[in-house]
């Protein structure tokens, strides 16, 4: 897997690169701002671009703007946005603009190399990944609107793990359920959220979007 890393802090940029290289992930380029990030992605067309959400010159949302531009130029490139801040609105914005192959993690997570590499792999395969802390915050909010209210508690747990980018096997391991049971819960989630099977739609991503928007 090939990745490009963009962060204006050299220590963060180099630290992530070293962790990934130690895990046999190829870091093909490093960038300190959005302009150099876009040039690197155009040159290398990596599997995933890791992007700091706040970069020069304004340190506001340059990472999200760059992510949107990358998806416009290279739809097959996965995007992992990193942030020091827990902001569910940024996560929703990112996934609204380009849900498939898009992820949002807190920078604290990058020290967990297994989690980081798994997130990159899933993004390269077209899944979406949302930081567990954001998922927890959204799950804690009251939701008056259906159809999410129709989900059982177990189905909500399954949807929460899907939102975190977990595979069916990981959901089985986390909830101590059989693969057949997990598949059944996922079918119920798709049915209750009115997500029929379609070759043109990634239902796991669409389910996560409904969850984030609610």
N, C-alpha and C. Protein backbone atom coordinates (compact mmCIF):
# COMPACT_ATOMS: atom_id res chain seq x y z
N UNK A 1 0.84 -1.19 0.00
CA UNK A 1 0.00 0.00 0.00
C UNK A 1 0.88 1.25 0.00
N UNK A 2 0.52 2.23 -0.81
CA UNK A 2 1.29 3.47 -0.91
C UNK A 2 0.48 4.63 -0.33
N UNK A 3 1.13 5.46 0.48
CA UNK A 3 0.43 6.58 1.08
C UNK A 3 1.25 7.87 0.93
N UNK A 4 0.53 8.99 0.94
CA UNK A 4 1.11 10.32 1.03
C UNK A 4 0.67 10.91 2.36
N UNK A 5 1.57 11.59 3.06
CA UNK A 5 1.26 12.18 4.36
C UNK A 5 1.39 13.69 4.27
N UNK A 6 0.36 14.42 4.74
CA UNK A 6 0.40 15.88 4.76
C UNK A 6 0.12 16.40 6.16
N UNK A 7 1.08 17.09 6.73
CA UNK A 7 0.93 17.72 8.05
C UNK A 7 1.98 18.81 8.14
N UNK A 8 1.58 19.98 8.64
CA UNK A 8 2.54 21.09 8.69
C UNK A 8 3.55 20.94 9.82
N UNK A 9 3.30 20.01 10.76
CA UNK A 9 4.24 19.75 11.84
C UNK A 9 5.18 18.62 11.43
N UNK A 10 6.46 18.95 11.27
CA UNK A 10 7.43 17.97 10.79
C UNK A 10 7.52 16.76 11.71
N UNK A 11 7.46 16.97 13.02
CA UNK A 11 7.56 15.85 13.95
C UNK A 11 6.40 14.88 13.78
N UNK A 12 5.19 15.43 13.60
CA UNK A 12 4.02 14.57 13.40
C UNK A 12 4.15 13.84 12.07
N UNK A 13 4.49 14.58 11.03
CA UNK A 13 4.62 14.01 9.68
C UNK A 13 5.64 12.87 9.65
N UNK A 14 6.81 13.13 10.22
CA UNK A 14 7.87 12.13 10.20
C UNK A 14 7.57 10.96 11.14
N UNK A 15 6.90 11.27 12.25
CA UNK A 15 6.55 10.20 13.19
C UNK A 15 5.56 9.22 12.58
N UNK A 16 4.54 9.74 11.91
CA UNK A 16 3.57 8.86 11.25
C UNK A 16 4.27 8.05 10.16
N UNK A 17 5.14 8.71 9.41
CA UNK A 17 5.85 8.01 8.33
C UNK A 17 6.67 6.86 8.88
N UNK A 18 7.36 7.08 9.99
CA UNK A 18 8.20 6.01 10.56
C UNK A 18 7.34 4.85 11.04
N UNK A 19 6.23 5.16 11.70
CA UNK A 19 5.34 4.10 12.17
C UNK A 19 4.84 3.25 11.00
N UNK A 20 4.45 3.92 9.93
CA UNK A 20 3.91 3.20 8.78
C UNK A 20 4.99 2.39 8.07
N UNK A 21 6.16 2.97 7.94
CA UNK A 21 7.25 2.24 7.28
C UNK A 21 7.64 1.00 8.07
N UNK A 22 7.61 1.11 9.41
CA UNK A 22 7.90 -0.05 10.25
C UNK A 22 6.85 -1.14 10.09
N UNK A 23 5.63 -0.72 9.64
CA UNK A 23 4.54 -1.68 9.43
C UNK A 23 4.46 -2.10 7.96
N UNK A 24 5.53 -1.83 7.20
CA UNK A 24 5.62 -2.24 5.78
C UNK A 24 4.64 -1.50 4.88
N UNK A 25 4.26 -0.28 5.27
CA UNK A 25 3.47 0.59 4.41
C UNK A 25 4.41 1.56 3.72
N UNK A 26 4.29 1.69 2.41
CA UNK A 26 5.19 2.55 1.65
C UNK A 26 4.73 4.00 1.69
N UNK A 27 5.55 4.87 2.27
CA UNK A 27 5.26 6.31 2.29
C UNK A 27 5.98 6.92 1.09
N UNK A 28 5.22 7.30 0.07
CA UNK A 28 5.84 7.76 -1.18
C UNK A 28 6.13 9.26 -1.18
N UNK A 29 5.46 10.03 -0.32
CA UNK A 29 5.71 11.48 -0.29
C UNK A 29 5.20 12.06 1.02
N UNK A 30 5.81 13.18 1.41
CA UNK A 30 5.39 13.92 2.60
C UNK A 30 5.20 15.38 2.20
N UNK A 31 4.19 16.03 2.77
CA UNK A 31 3.88 17.41 2.39
C UNK A 31 3.59 18.23 3.64
N UNK A 32 3.92 19.52 3.56
CA UNK A 32 3.71 20.42 4.70
C UNK A 32 2.52 21.35 4.51
N UNK A 33 1.93 21.38 3.32
CA UNK A 33 0.77 22.25 3.07
C UNK A 33 -0.08 21.63 1.98
N UNK A 34 -1.25 22.21 1.74
CA UNK A 34 -2.19 21.61 0.80
C UNK A 34 -1.69 21.65 -0.64
N UNK A 35 -0.96 22.70 -1.00
CA UNK A 35 -0.46 22.80 -2.37
C UNK A 35 0.53 21.68 -2.68
N UNK A 36 1.47 21.45 -1.77
CA UNK A 36 2.44 20.37 -1.99
C UNK A 36 1.78 19.00 -1.88
N UNK A 37 0.73 18.90 -1.06
CA UNK A 37 -0.03 17.66 -0.97
C UNK A 37 -0.65 17.33 -2.33
N UNK A 38 -1.31 18.30 -2.94
CA UNK A 38 -1.97 18.06 -4.22
C UNK A 38 -0.96 17.69 -5.30
N UNK A 39 0.20 18.33 -5.28
CA UNK A 39 1.23 17.98 -6.26
C UNK A 39 1.71 16.54 -6.05
N UNK A 40 1.88 16.15 -4.79
CA UNK A 40 2.35 14.80 -4.49
C UNK A 40 1.32 13.75 -4.92
N UNK A 41 0.05 14.02 -4.65
CA UNK A 41 -1.00 13.07 -5.04
C UNK A 41 -1.08 12.97 -6.56
N UNK A 42 -0.98 14.10 -7.25
CA UNK A 42 -0.99 14.08 -8.72
C UNK A 42 0.17 13.25 -9.27
N UNK A 43 1.33 13.36 -8.61
CA UNK A 43 2.52 12.67 -9.10
C UNK A 43 2.49 11.17 -8.80
N UNK A 44 2.05 10.81 -7.60
CA UNK A 44 2.16 9.42 -7.15
C UNK A 44 0.84 8.64 -7.25
N UNK A 45 -0.28 9.33 -7.19
CA UNK A 45 -1.60 8.68 -7.14
C UNK A 45 -1.56 7.50 -6.14
N UNK A 46 -1.43 7.81 -4.85
CA UNK A 46 -1.30 6.75 -3.83
C UNK A 46 -2.61 6.04 -3.59
N UNK A 47 -2.55 5.00 -2.78
CA UNK A 47 -3.78 4.32 -2.36
C UNK A 47 -4.57 5.19 -1.39
N UNK A 48 -3.85 5.87 -0.48
CA UNK A 48 -4.50 6.71 0.53
C UNK A 48 -3.65 7.95 0.78
N UNK A 49 -4.31 9.09 0.96
CA UNK A 49 -3.65 10.31 1.40
C UNK A 49 -4.05 10.59 2.85
N UNK A 50 -3.07 10.77 3.72
CA UNK A 50 -3.31 11.11 5.13
C UNK A 50 -3.17 12.62 5.25
N UNK A 51 -4.22 13.29 5.68
CA UNK A 51 -4.28 14.75 5.59
C UNK A 51 -4.61 15.37 6.95
N UNK A 52 -3.79 16.30 7.39
CA UNK A 52 -4.11 17.07 8.59
C UNK A 52 -5.26 18.00 8.25
N UNK A 53 -6.24 18.11 9.14
CA UNK A 53 -7.42 18.91 8.83
C UNK A 53 -7.11 20.40 8.81
N UNK A 54 -6.11 20.84 9.57
CA UNK A 54 -5.77 22.27 9.65
C UNK A 54 -4.34 22.47 9.20
N UNK A 55 -4.19 23.17 8.07
CA UNK A 55 -2.87 23.41 7.51
C UNK A 55 -2.75 24.88 7.10
N UNK A 56 -1.52 25.33 6.77
CA UNK A 56 -1.33 26.71 6.34
C UNK A 56 -2.17 26.98 5.08
N UNK A 57 -2.57 28.24 4.87
CA UNK A 57 -2.16 29.41 5.65
C UNK A 57 -3.09 29.78 6.81
N UNK A 58 -4.35 29.34 6.81
CA UNK A 58 -5.28 29.81 7.84
C UNK A 58 -5.45 28.83 8.99
N UNK A 59 -5.00 27.60 8.81
CA UNK A 59 -5.13 26.57 9.85
C UNK A 59 -6.58 26.40 10.28
N UNK A 60 -7.48 26.36 9.30
CA UNK A 60 -8.90 26.10 9.59
C UNK A 60 -9.33 24.78 8.97
N UNK A 61 -9.71 24.81 7.69
CA UNK A 61 -10.22 23.59 7.07
C UNK A 61 -9.50 23.25 5.77
N UNK A 62 -8.24 23.69 5.64
CA UNK A 62 -7.51 23.43 4.40
C UNK A 62 -7.45 21.94 4.06
N UNK A 63 -7.37 21.10 5.09
CA UNK A 63 -7.31 19.67 4.84
C UNK A 63 -8.58 19.15 4.18
N UNK A 64 -9.74 19.62 4.62
CA UNK A 64 -11.00 19.20 4.01
C UNK A 64 -11.11 19.70 2.58
N UNK A 65 -10.69 20.93 2.36
CA UNK A 65 -10.72 21.49 1.00
C UNK A 65 -9.81 20.67 0.08
N UNK A 66 -8.61 20.36 0.58
CA UNK A 66 -7.67 19.55 -0.21
C UNK A 66 -8.24 18.15 -0.45
N UNK A 67 -8.90 17.58 0.56
CA UNK A 67 -9.49 16.25 0.41
C UNK A 67 -10.53 16.24 -0.71
N UNK A 68 -11.37 17.27 -0.75
CA UNK A 68 -12.38 17.37 -1.80
C UNK A 68 -11.73 17.48 -3.17
N UNK A 69 -10.63 18.23 -3.26
CA UNK A 69 -9.94 18.40 -4.53
C UNK A 69 -9.30 17.08 -4.98
N UNK A 70 -8.73 16.36 -4.02
CA UNK A 70 -8.13 15.06 -4.35
C UNK A 70 -9.20 14.11 -4.89
N UNK A 71 -10.36 14.06 -4.24
CA UNK A 71 -11.41 13.16 -4.70
C UNK A 71 -11.92 13.55 -6.07
N UNK A 72 -11.92 14.86 -6.36
CA UNK A 72 -12.36 15.30 -7.69
C UNK A 72 -11.36 14.88 -8.77
N UNK A 73 -10.06 14.98 -8.44
CA UNK A 73 -9.03 14.64 -9.41
C UNK A 73 -8.77 13.14 -9.49
N UNK A 74 -8.82 12.47 -8.33
CA UNK A 74 -8.46 11.06 -8.25
C UNK A 74 -9.48 10.32 -7.38
N UNK A 75 -10.64 9.98 -7.93
CA UNK A 75 -11.71 9.38 -7.11
C UNK A 75 -11.31 8.08 -6.43
N UNK A 76 -10.31 7.39 -6.93
CA UNK A 76 -9.92 6.13 -6.34
C UNK A 76 -8.97 6.24 -5.16
N UNK A 77 -8.51 7.45 -4.86
CA UNK A 77 -7.58 7.64 -3.75
C UNK A 77 -8.37 7.78 -2.44
N UNK A 78 -8.06 6.94 -1.46
CA UNK A 78 -8.70 7.07 -0.15
C UNK A 78 -8.17 8.28 0.60
N UNK A 79 -8.99 8.83 1.47
CA UNK A 79 -8.63 10.02 2.25
C UNK A 79 -8.79 9.72 3.73
N UNK A 80 -7.72 9.90 4.50
CA UNK A 80 -7.82 9.81 5.96
C UNK A 80 -7.45 11.17 6.53
N UNK A 81 -8.46 11.86 7.08
CA UNK A 81 -8.24 13.17 7.69
C UNK A 81 -7.93 12.96 9.18
N UNK A 82 -6.87 13.62 9.64
CA UNK A 82 -6.48 13.56 11.05
C UNK A 82 -6.71 14.91 11.72
N UNK A 83 -7.12 14.88 12.97
CA UNK A 83 -7.38 16.13 13.69
C UNK A 83 -7.02 15.98 15.17
N UNK A 84 -6.55 17.09 15.76
CA UNK A 84 -6.36 17.12 17.21
C UNK A 84 -7.69 17.26 17.93
N UNK A 85 -8.72 17.71 17.19
CA UNK A 85 -9.98 18.12 17.82
C UNK A 85 -11.11 17.16 17.48
N UNK A 86 -11.96 16.92 18.45
CA UNK A 86 -13.14 16.08 18.28
C UNK A 86 -14.26 16.94 17.71
N UNK A 87 -14.47 16.86 16.41
CA UNK A 87 -15.47 17.70 15.75
C UNK A 87 -16.30 16.84 14.81
N UNK A 88 -17.48 16.45 15.25
CA UNK A 88 -18.32 15.57 14.44
C UNK A 88 -18.81 16.27 13.17
N UNK A 89 -18.93 17.60 13.21
CA UNK A 89 -19.39 18.32 12.02
C UNK A 89 -18.39 18.19 10.88
N UNK A 90 -17.10 18.23 11.20
CA UNK A 90 -16.09 18.04 10.16
C UNK A 90 -16.19 16.63 9.58
N UNK A 91 -16.44 15.65 10.44
CA UNK A 91 -16.56 14.28 9.95
C UNK A 91 -17.75 14.14 9.01
N UNK A 92 -18.88 14.72 9.39
CA UNK A 92 -20.06 14.66 8.54
C UNK A 92 -19.80 15.37 7.22
N UNK A 93 -19.15 16.51 7.27
CA UNK A 93 -18.83 17.26 6.04
C UNK A 93 -17.95 16.43 5.11
N UNK A 94 -16.93 15.80 5.67
CA UNK A 94 -16.03 14.99 4.85
C UNK A 94 -16.79 13.86 4.18
N UNK A 95 -17.61 13.14 4.94
CA UNK A 95 -18.30 11.99 4.40
C UNK A 95 -19.45 12.38 3.49
N UNK A 96 -20.06 13.53 3.73
CA UNK A 96 -21.10 14.02 2.83
C UNK A 96 -20.52 14.29 1.44
N UNK A 97 -19.32 14.88 1.42
CA UNK A 97 -18.72 15.27 0.15
C UNK A 97 -18.17 14.07 -0.61
N UNK A 98 -17.61 13.09 0.10
CA UNK A 98 -16.99 11.94 -0.56
C UNK A 98 -17.00 10.76 0.39
N UNK A 99 -18.14 10.06 0.50
CA UNK A 99 -18.27 9.03 1.54
C UNK A 99 -17.39 7.81 1.35
N UNK A 100 -17.28 7.29 0.14
CA UNK A 100 -16.54 6.05 -0.05
C UNK A 100 -15.03 6.31 -0.01
N UNK A 101 -14.34 5.54 0.81
CA UNK A 101 -12.90 5.70 0.93
C UNK A 101 -12.50 6.93 1.70
N UNK A 102 -13.37 7.40 2.60
CA UNK A 102 -13.05 8.59 3.40
C UNK A 102 -13.09 8.25 4.88
N UNK A 103 -12.17 8.82 5.65
CA UNK A 103 -12.12 8.55 7.08
C UNK A 103 -11.68 9.75 7.88
N UNK A 104 -12.02 9.74 9.16
CA UNK A 104 -11.70 10.84 10.08
C UNK A 104 -11.27 10.22 11.40
N UNK A 105 -10.02 10.46 11.79
CA UNK A 105 -9.51 9.94 13.06
C UNK A 105 -8.85 11.06 13.86
N UNK A 106 -8.89 10.94 15.17
CA UNK A 106 -8.13 11.84 16.02
C UNK A 106 -6.65 11.46 15.94
N UNK A 107 -5.77 12.46 16.06
CA UNK A 107 -4.34 12.18 15.95
C UNK A 107 -3.85 11.26 17.06
N UNK A 108 -4.55 11.26 18.17
CA UNK A 108 -4.16 10.36 19.26
C UNK A 108 -4.17 8.90 18.82
N UNK A 109 -4.96 8.58 17.81
CA UNK A 109 -5.10 7.19 17.38
C UNK A 109 -3.89 6.68 16.61
N UNK A 110 -3.08 7.58 16.04
CA UNK A 110 -2.03 7.12 15.13
C UNK A 110 -0.95 6.32 15.85
N UNK A 111 -0.86 6.45 17.16
CA UNK A 111 0.12 5.66 17.90
C UNK A 111 -0.26 4.18 17.94
N UNK A 112 -1.54 3.89 17.69
CA UNK A 112 -2.01 2.51 17.60
C UNK A 112 -1.83 2.09 16.15
N UNK A 113 -0.67 1.55 15.82
CA UNK A 113 -0.33 1.29 14.43
C UNK A 113 -1.25 0.25 13.81
N UNK A 114 -1.70 -0.72 14.59
CA UNK A 114 -2.61 -1.73 14.04
C UNK A 114 -3.92 -1.09 13.60
N UNK A 115 -4.45 -0.18 14.44
CA UNK A 115 -5.68 0.53 14.09
C UNK A 115 -5.47 1.40 12.86
N UNK A 116 -4.34 2.11 12.81
CA UNK A 116 -4.06 3.00 11.69
C UNK A 116 -3.93 2.23 10.38
N UNK A 117 -3.17 1.15 10.39
CA UNK A 117 -2.98 0.37 9.16
C UNK A 117 -4.30 -0.26 8.72
N UNK A 118 -5.09 -0.74 9.68
CA UNK A 118 -6.39 -1.32 9.33
C UNK A 118 -7.29 -0.26 8.70
N UNK A 119 -7.26 0.97 9.26
CA UNK A 119 -8.06 2.05 8.69
C UNK A 119 -7.62 2.36 7.26
N UNK A 120 -6.32 2.41 7.03
CA UNK A 120 -5.82 2.68 5.68
C UNK A 120 -6.25 1.58 4.71
N UNK A 121 -6.17 0.35 5.15
CA UNK A 121 -6.56 -0.76 4.29
C UNK A 121 -8.03 -0.66 3.92
N UNK A 122 -8.87 -0.38 4.91
CA UNK A 122 -10.30 -0.31 4.64
C UNK A 122 -10.64 0.87 3.75
N UNK A 123 -9.94 1.99 3.92
CA UNK A 123 -10.18 3.13 3.06
C UNK A 123 -9.78 2.82 1.62
N UNK A 124 -8.68 2.12 1.45
CA UNK A 124 -8.24 1.76 0.09
C UNK A 124 -9.23 0.83 -0.58
N UNK A 125 -10.05 0.12 0.21
CA UNK A 125 -11.06 -0.78 -0.33
C UNK A 125 -12.42 -0.10 -0.51
N UNK A 126 -12.50 1.21 -0.17
CA UNK A 126 -13.73 1.95 -0.39
C UNK A 126 -14.65 2.09 0.80
N UNK A 127 -14.26 1.56 1.97
CA UNK A 127 -15.06 1.74 3.17
C UNK A 127 -14.86 3.15 3.73
N UNK A 128 -15.67 3.50 4.72
CA UNK A 128 -15.43 4.74 5.46
C UNK A 128 -15.10 4.39 6.90
N UNK A 129 -14.34 5.26 7.55
CA UNK A 129 -13.87 5.02 8.91
C UNK A 129 -14.07 6.29 9.72
N UNK A 130 -14.74 6.17 10.86
CA UNK A 130 -15.00 7.33 11.72
C UNK A 130 -14.43 7.04 13.10
N UNK A 131 -13.76 8.02 13.69
CA UNK A 131 -13.15 7.83 15.00
C UNK A 131 -14.18 7.36 16.03
N UNK A 132 -13.84 6.35 16.84
CA UNK A 132 -14.79 5.85 17.84
C UNK A 132 -15.31 6.92 18.78
N UNK A 133 -14.49 7.93 19.09
CA UNK A 133 -14.95 8.99 20.00
C UNK A 133 -16.09 9.79 19.37
N UNK A 134 -16.02 10.01 18.06
CA UNK A 134 -17.09 10.73 17.38
C UNK A 134 -18.34 9.86 17.32
N UNK A 135 -18.15 8.58 17.04
CA UNK A 135 -19.28 7.66 17.02
C UNK A 135 -19.97 7.65 18.37
N UNK A 136 -19.20 7.62 19.45
CA UNK A 136 -19.78 7.61 20.80
C UNK A 136 -20.58 8.89 21.06
N UNK A 137 -20.03 10.01 20.63
CA UNK A 137 -20.74 11.28 20.84
C UNK A 137 -22.06 11.29 20.09
N UNK A 138 -22.05 10.81 18.85
CA UNK A 138 -23.27 10.82 18.05
C UNK A 138 -24.29 9.84 18.61
N UNK A 139 -23.82 8.70 19.10
CA UNK A 139 -24.74 7.71 19.66
C UNK A 139 -25.40 8.23 20.92
N UNK A 140 -24.74 9.13 21.64
CA UNK A 140 -25.28 9.65 22.90
C UNK A 140 -26.36 10.70 22.68
N UNK A 141 -26.42 11.26 21.48
CA UNK A 141 -27.43 12.28 21.21
C UNK A 141 -28.81 11.64 21.08
N UNK A 142 -29.84 12.40 21.49
CA UNK A 142 -31.20 11.93 21.29
C UNK A 142 -31.56 12.10 19.83
N UNK A 143 -32.20 11.12 19.25
CA UNK A 143 -32.64 11.20 17.87
C UNK A 143 -34.15 11.05 17.83
N UNK A 144 -34.80 12.09 17.35
CA UNK A 144 -36.25 12.03 17.27
C UNK A 144 -36.70 11.42 15.95
N UNK A 145 -35.84 11.44 14.96
CA UNK A 145 -36.24 11.04 13.63
C UNK A 145 -36.04 9.56 13.40
N UNK A 146 -37.00 8.94 12.75
CA UNK A 146 -36.85 7.58 12.26
C UNK A 146 -36.13 7.69 10.92
N UNK A 147 -35.57 6.60 10.38
CA UNK A 147 -35.77 5.20 10.76
C UNK A 147 -34.75 4.66 11.77
N UNK A 148 -33.77 5.47 12.19
CA UNK A 148 -32.78 4.96 13.14
C UNK A 148 -33.43 4.50 14.44
N UNK A 149 -34.55 5.15 14.80
CA UNK A 149 -35.23 4.77 16.03
C UNK A 149 -35.79 3.35 15.96
N UNK A 150 -35.94 2.82 14.76
CA UNK A 150 -36.49 1.48 14.61
C UNK A 150 -35.46 0.38 14.87
N UNK A 151 -34.18 0.77 14.92
CA UNK A 151 -33.15 -0.23 15.16
C UNK A 151 -33.18 -0.72 16.60
N UNK A 152 -32.95 -2.00 16.78
CA UNK A 152 -32.81 -2.54 18.13
C UNK A 152 -31.47 -2.09 18.71
N UNK A 153 -31.31 -2.31 20.01
CA UNK A 153 -30.05 -1.94 20.65
C UNK A 153 -28.88 -2.70 20.03
N UNK A 154 -29.07 -3.97 19.73
CA UNK A 154 -28.00 -4.75 19.12
C UNK A 154 -27.68 -4.24 17.72
N UNK A 155 -28.72 -3.89 16.98
CA UNK A 155 -28.50 -3.36 15.62
C UNK A 155 -27.77 -2.02 15.68
N UNK A 156 -28.07 -1.22 16.70
CA UNK A 156 -27.33 0.03 16.88
C UNK A 156 -25.86 -0.24 17.18
N UNK A 157 -25.60 -1.25 18.00
CA UNK A 157 -24.22 -1.60 18.30
C UNK A 157 -23.48 -2.02 17.03
N UNK A 158 -24.14 -2.80 16.21
CA UNK A 158 -23.53 -3.24 14.95
C UNK A 158 -23.28 -2.05 14.04
N UNK A 159 -24.26 -1.14 13.92
CA UNK A 159 -24.09 0.04 13.07
C UNK A 159 -22.96 0.92 13.59
N UNK A 160 -22.87 1.03 14.90
CA UNK A 160 -21.78 1.82 15.49
C UNK A 160 -20.42 1.25 15.09
N UNK A 161 -20.28 -0.06 15.12
CA UNK A 161 -19.01 -0.68 14.76
C UNK A 161 -18.74 -0.57 13.26
N UNK A 162 -19.79 -0.63 12.46
CA UNK A 162 -19.62 -0.38 11.02
C UNK A 162 -19.10 1.03 10.80
N UNK A 163 -19.65 2.00 11.55
CA UNK A 163 -19.21 3.39 11.42
C UNK A 163 -17.75 3.56 11.79
N UNK A 164 -17.26 2.72 12.69
CA UNK A 164 -15.85 2.77 13.08
C UNK A 164 -14.95 2.07 12.07
N UNK A 165 -15.56 1.54 11.00
CA UNK A 165 -14.78 0.89 9.97
C UNK A 165 -14.46 -0.56 10.25
N UNK A 166 -15.22 -1.20 11.15
CA UNK A 166 -14.93 -2.60 11.52
C UNK A 166 -15.47 -3.56 10.45
N UNK A 167 -14.73 -4.61 10.20
CA UNK A 167 -15.17 -5.67 9.30
C UNK A 167 -16.18 -6.55 10.02
N UNK A 168 -16.86 -7.42 9.26
CA UNK A 168 -17.80 -8.35 9.90
C UNK A 168 -17.09 -9.22 10.94
N UNK A 169 -15.88 -9.68 10.62
CA UNK A 169 -15.15 -10.51 11.58
C UNK A 169 -14.85 -9.74 12.86
N UNK A 170 -14.44 -8.46 12.71
CA UNK A 170 -14.15 -7.66 13.89
C UNK A 170 -15.40 -7.43 14.73
N UNK A 171 -16.55 -7.28 14.06
CA UNK A 171 -17.81 -7.12 14.79
C UNK A 171 -18.13 -8.41 15.56
N UNK A 172 -17.91 -9.54 14.91
CA UNK A 172 -18.12 -10.83 15.59
C UNK A 172 -17.26 -10.92 16.85
N UNK A 173 -15.99 -10.57 16.72
CA UNK A 173 -15.06 -10.68 17.84
C UNK A 173 -15.43 -9.72 18.97
N UNK A 174 -15.87 -8.51 18.60
CA UNK A 174 -16.20 -7.49 19.60
C UNK A 174 -17.47 -7.83 20.37
N UNK A 175 -18.48 -8.32 19.66
CA UNK A 175 -19.79 -8.58 20.28
C UNK A 175 -19.99 -10.05 20.65
N UNK A 176 -18.97 -10.89 20.38
CA UNK A 176 -19.04 -12.31 20.68
C UNK A 176 -20.26 -12.96 20.00
N UNK A 177 -20.39 -12.66 18.71
CA UNK A 177 -21.49 -13.21 17.93
C UNK A 177 -20.94 -14.04 16.78
N UNK A 178 -21.77 -14.93 16.26
CA UNK A 178 -21.36 -15.74 15.11
C UNK A 178 -21.46 -14.91 13.84
N UNK A 179 -20.71 -15.28 12.80
CA UNK A 179 -20.80 -14.56 11.52
C UNK A 179 -22.23 -14.52 10.98
N UNK A 180 -22.96 -15.62 11.10
CA UNK A 180 -24.33 -15.66 10.61
C UNK A 180 -25.21 -14.65 11.35
N UNK A 181 -25.04 -14.54 12.67
CA UNK A 181 -25.84 -13.59 13.46
C UNK A 181 -25.52 -12.16 13.07
N UNK A 182 -24.23 -11.86 12.90
CA UNK A 182 -23.84 -10.50 12.51
C UNK A 182 -24.40 -10.16 11.12
N UNK A 183 -24.30 -11.11 10.21
CA UNK A 183 -24.85 -10.87 8.87
C UNK A 183 -26.36 -10.60 8.93
N UNK A 184 -27.05 -11.32 9.82
CA UNK A 184 -28.48 -11.09 9.99
C UNK A 184 -28.78 -9.70 10.52
N UNK A 185 -28.00 -9.24 11.52
CA UNK A 185 -28.20 -7.90 12.06
C UNK A 185 -27.94 -6.84 10.98
N UNK A 186 -26.91 -7.06 10.19
CA UNK A 186 -26.59 -6.08 9.14
C UNK A 186 -27.71 -6.03 8.09
N UNK A 187 -28.26 -7.18 7.75
CA UNK A 187 -29.39 -7.20 6.82
C UNK A 187 -30.57 -6.41 7.38
N UNK A 188 -30.82 -6.57 8.69
CA UNK A 188 -31.91 -5.83 9.32
C UNK A 188 -31.65 -4.32 9.30
N UNK A 189 -30.40 -3.94 9.56
CA UNK A 189 -30.05 -2.51 9.51
C UNK A 189 -30.31 -1.95 8.12
N UNK A 190 -29.86 -2.66 7.09
CA UNK A 190 -30.07 -2.19 5.73
C UNK A 190 -31.56 -2.11 5.40
N UNK A 191 -32.33 -3.10 5.84
CA UNK A 191 -33.76 -3.11 5.55
C UNK A 191 -34.46 -1.93 6.23
N UNK A 192 -34.15 -1.73 7.53
CA UNK A 192 -34.82 -0.66 8.28
C UNK A 192 -34.41 0.73 7.81
N UNK A 193 -33.21 0.83 7.25
CA UNK A 193 -32.75 2.13 6.73
C UNK A 193 -33.10 2.29 5.26
N UNK A 194 -33.87 1.34 4.73
CA UNK A 194 -34.32 1.41 3.33
C UNK A 194 -33.16 1.49 2.37
N UNK A 195 -32.22 0.55 2.52
CA UNK A 195 -31.04 0.50 1.66
C UNK A 195 -31.04 -0.83 0.91
N UNK A 196 -31.77 -0.90 -0.21
CA UNK A 196 -31.82 -2.15 -0.98
C UNK A 196 -30.48 -2.44 -1.64
N UNK A 197 -30.23 -3.71 -1.90
CA UNK A 197 -28.99 -4.11 -2.54
C UNK A 197 -28.92 -3.53 -3.94
N UNK A 198 -27.76 -2.98 -4.29
CA UNK A 198 -27.59 -2.35 -5.60
C UNK A 198 -26.13 -2.42 -5.98
N UNK A 199 -25.82 -2.72 -7.26
CA UNK A 199 -24.41 -2.75 -7.68
C UNK A 199 -23.77 -1.37 -7.70
N UNK A 200 -24.60 -0.32 -7.66
CA UNK A 200 -24.08 1.05 -7.74
C UNK A 200 -23.98 1.74 -6.39
N UNK A 201 -24.28 1.02 -5.30
CA UNK A 201 -24.28 1.65 -3.98
C UNK A 201 -23.50 0.81 -2.99
N UNK A 202 -22.77 1.47 -2.12
CA UNK A 202 -22.03 0.81 -1.05
C UNK A 202 -22.88 0.97 0.21
N UNK A 203 -23.65 -0.08 0.54
CA UNK A 203 -24.67 0.08 1.59
C UNK A 203 -24.07 0.35 2.96
N UNK A 204 -22.89 -0.18 3.26
CA UNK A 204 -22.27 0.10 4.55
C UNK A 204 -21.98 1.59 4.68
N UNK A 205 -21.48 2.19 3.62
CA UNK A 205 -21.19 3.63 3.64
C UNK A 205 -22.48 4.43 3.76
N UNK A 206 -23.51 4.05 3.02
CA UNK A 206 -24.78 4.78 3.07
C UNK A 206 -25.42 4.68 4.46
N UNK A 207 -25.28 3.52 5.10
CA UNK A 207 -25.81 3.36 6.45
C UNK A 207 -25.10 4.29 7.43
N UNK A 208 -23.78 4.37 7.30
CA UNK A 208 -23.00 5.27 8.17
C UNK A 208 -23.41 6.72 7.94
N UNK A 209 -23.63 7.11 6.69
CA UNK A 209 -24.05 8.49 6.40
C UNK A 209 -25.39 8.80 7.06
N UNK A 210 -26.35 7.87 6.99
CA UNK A 210 -27.62 8.11 7.66
C UNK A 210 -27.42 8.29 9.16
N UNK A 211 -26.55 7.47 9.73
CA UNK A 211 -26.25 7.56 11.16
C UNK A 211 -25.66 8.92 11.51
N UNK A 212 -24.69 9.41 10.71
CA UNK A 212 -24.02 10.66 11.00
C UNK A 212 -24.95 11.86 10.81
N UNK A 213 -25.85 11.78 9.85
CA UNK A 213 -26.73 12.91 9.57
C UNK A 213 -27.87 13.04 10.55
N UNK A 214 -28.20 11.94 11.24
CA UNK A 214 -29.38 11.94 12.11
C UNK A 214 -29.24 12.89 13.28
